[in-house]
C-alpha atoms as a PDB file:
ATOM      1  CA  MET A   1     -23.749  23.457  31.746  1.00  0.00           C
ATOM      2  CA  MET A   2     -21.729  20.015  31.330  1.00  0.00           C
ATOM      3  CA  GLN A   3     -17.967  21.555  31.795  1.00  0.00           C
ATOM      4  CA  LYS A   4     -15.524  20.313  29.299  1.00  0.00           C
ATOM      5  CA  LYS A   5     -12.429  18.405  30.316  1.00  0.00           C
ATOM      6  CA  GLN A   6      -8.701  18.301  28.628  1.00  0.00           C
ATOM      7  CA  ILE A   7      -7.504  15.239  27.473  1.00  0.00           C
ATOM      8  CA  LYS A   8      -3.920  15.759  28.610  1.00  0.00           C
ATOM      9  CA  PRO A   9      -1.154  12.962  25.984  1.00  0.00           C
ATOM     10  CA  LYS A  10      -0.456   9.951  27.901  1.00  0.00           C
ATOM     11  CA  ALA A  11       2.511  10.166  25.387  1.00  0.00           C
ATOM     12  CA  LYS A  12       5.772  11.081  26.540  1.00  0.00           C
ATOM     13  CA  LYS A  13       7.805  14.027  24.765  1.00  0.00           C
ATOM     14  CA  ASP A  14      10.762  11.434  23.330  1.00  0.00           C
ATOM     15  CA  TRP A  15       8.564   8.702  22.677  1.00  0.00           C
ATOM     16  CA  TRP A  16      10.208   8.129  19.413  1.00  0.00           C
ATOM     17  CA  LYS A  17      13.544   7.234  21.040  1.00  0.00           C
ATOM     18  CA  ILE A  18      12.321   4.134  22.023  1.00  0.00           C
ATOM     19  CA  PHE A  19      10.113   3.356  19.521  1.00  0.00           C
ATOM     20  CA  PHE A  20      12.978   3.692  17.519  1.00  0.00           C
ATOM     21  CA  ASN A  21      15.100   1.839  19.240  1.00  0.00           C
ATOM     22  CA  ASN A  22      13.628  -1.267  19.119  1.00  0.00           C
ATOM     23  CA  THR A  23      11.551  -4.322  16.821  1.00  0.00           C
ATOM     24  CA  ALA A  24       9.567  -1.375  15.014  1.00  0.00           C
ATOM     25  CA  GLY A  25      12.527   1.097  14.176  1.00  0.00           C
ATOM     26  CA  GLN A  26      15.067  -1.849  12.667  1.00  0.00           C
ATOM     27  CA  VAL A  27      12.338  -2.829  10.601  1.00  0.00           C
ATOM     28  CA  MET A  28      11.852   0.336   8.768  1.00  0.00           C
ATOM     29  CA  PHE A  29      14.841   0.849   8.610  1.00  0.00           C
ATOM     30  CA  SER A  30      16.425  -2.255   7.571  1.00  0.00           C
ATOM     31  CA  MET A  31      13.830  -3.366   4.652  1.00  0.00           C
ATOM     32  CA  PRO A  32      15.377  -4.738   1.270  1.00  0.00           C
ATOM     33  CA  GLN A  33      15.631  -1.988  -1.095  1.00  0.00           C
ATOM     34  CA  GLU A  34      15.182  -4.851  -3.663  1.00  0.00           C
ATOM     35  CA  ARG A  35      11.720  -5.582  -2.217  1.00  0.00           C
ATOM     36  CA  THR A  36      10.863  -1.910  -1.593  1.00  0.00           C
ATOM     37  CA  ARG A  37      11.310  -1.735  -5.466  1.00  0.00           C
ATOM     38  CA  GLN A  38       8.965  -4.513  -6.436  1.00  0.00           C
ATOM     39  CA  GLU A  39       6.295  -3.695  -3.984  1.00  0.00           C
ATOM     40  CA  VAL A  40       6.275  -0.179  -5.466  1.00  0.00           C
ATOM     41  CA  GLN A  41       6.925  -1.142  -9.059  1.00  0.00           C
ATOM     42  CA  THR A  42       3.716  -4.169  -8.384  1.00  0.00           C
ATOM     43  CA  ILE A  43       1.708  -0.756  -7.492  1.00  0.00           C
ATOM     44  CA  LEU A  44       3.117   1.412 -10.182  1.00  0.00           C
ATOM     45  CA  LYS A  45       2.077  -1.611 -12.701  1.00  0.00           C
ATOM     46  CA  GLU A  46      -1.264  -2.422 -10.756  1.00  0.00           C
ATOM     47  CA  THR A  47      -2.891   1.450 -10.808  1.00  0.00           C
ATOM     48  CA  LYS A  48      -0.924   2.475 -14.316  1.00  0.00           C
ATOM     49  CA  LEU A  49      -0.064   5.511 -13.643  1.00  0.00           C
ATOM     50  CA  PRO A  50       2.122   7.459 -16.066  1.00  0.00           C
ATOM     51  CA  LYS A  51       5.556   8.669 -15.392  1.00  0.00           C
ATOM     52  CA  GLY A  52       4.980  12.441 -13.982  1.00  0.00           C
ATOM     53  CA  SER A  53       1.742  11.196 -11.562  1.00  0.00           C
ATOM     54  CA  LYS A  54       1.852  12.471  -8.494  1.00  0.00           C
ATOM     55  CA  ILE A  55       1.574  10.406  -5.991  1.00  0.00           C
ATOM     56  CA  LEU A  56       0.074  11.125  -1.663  1.00  0.00           C
ATOM     57  CA  ASP A  57       2.431   8.478   0.125  1.00  0.00           C
ATOM     58  CA  LEU A  58       0.317   9.304   3.751  1.00  0.00           C
ATOM     59  CA  GLY A  59       2.215   7.723   6.999  1.00  0.00           C
ATOM     60  CA  CYS A  60       5.397   7.343   4.218  1.00  0.00           C
ATOM     61  CA  GLY A  61       7.607   6.872   7.749  1.00  0.00           C
ATOM     62  CA  VAL A  62      10.820   6.994   6.597  1.00  0.00           C
ATOM     63  CA  GLY A  63      10.201   6.933   3.574  1.00  0.00           C
ATOM     64  CA  ARG A  64      11.906   4.117   1.663  1.00  0.00           C
ATOM     65  CA  HIS A  65       8.465   3.738  -0.846  1.00  0.00           C
ATOM     66  CA  SER A  66       8.357   8.188  -1.309  1.00  0.00           C
ATOM     67  CA  LEU A  67      12.092   7.853  -2.543  1.00  0.00           C
ATOM     68  CA  GLU A  68      12.208   4.466  -4.884  1.00  0.00           C
ATOM     69  CA  PHE A  69       8.675   5.878  -6.619  1.00  0.00           C
ATOM     70  CA  ALA A  70      10.458   9.083  -7.117  1.00  0.00           C
ATOM     71  CA  LYS A  71      13.081   7.089  -9.289  1.00  0.00           C
ATOM     72  CA  GLN A  72      10.099   5.647 -10.671  1.00  0.00           C
ATOM     73  CA  GLY A  73       9.759   9.368 -12.088  1.00  0.00           C
ATOM     74  CA  MET A  74       6.623  10.393 -10.095  1.00  0.00           C
ATOM     75  CA  ARG A  75       6.129  13.533  -8.015  1.00  0.00           C
ATOM     76  CA  VAL A  76       6.081  12.154  -4.536  1.00  0.00           C
ATOM     77  CA  VAL A  77       5.027  14.032  -0.813  1.00  0.00           C
ATOM     78  CA  GLY A  78       5.211  12.262   1.339  1.00  0.00           C
ATOM     79  CA  GLN A  79       3.811  13.132   5.021  1.00  0.00           C
ATOM     80  CA  TYR A  80       5.191  10.980   8.024  1.00  0.00           C
ATOM     81  CA  GLU A  81       4.987  10.054  11.044  1.00  0.00           C
END
């Protein structure tokens, strides 16, 4: 019988401090609000979702789209990374 090998995570405990202190963090937190609003309006126009629709925002990060969807009258649930 083959013995199972336990896989240990290679990421350091506070990996997020490094990630959010570099370019990726700067990009995520510096996106112009107007751009986010336009992206959400495009999505709503293309999908033709009525106000009050439920939206699941998987991988929502800091929630910039989730917040804008909520402002547009959607019911939003986000799953952050």
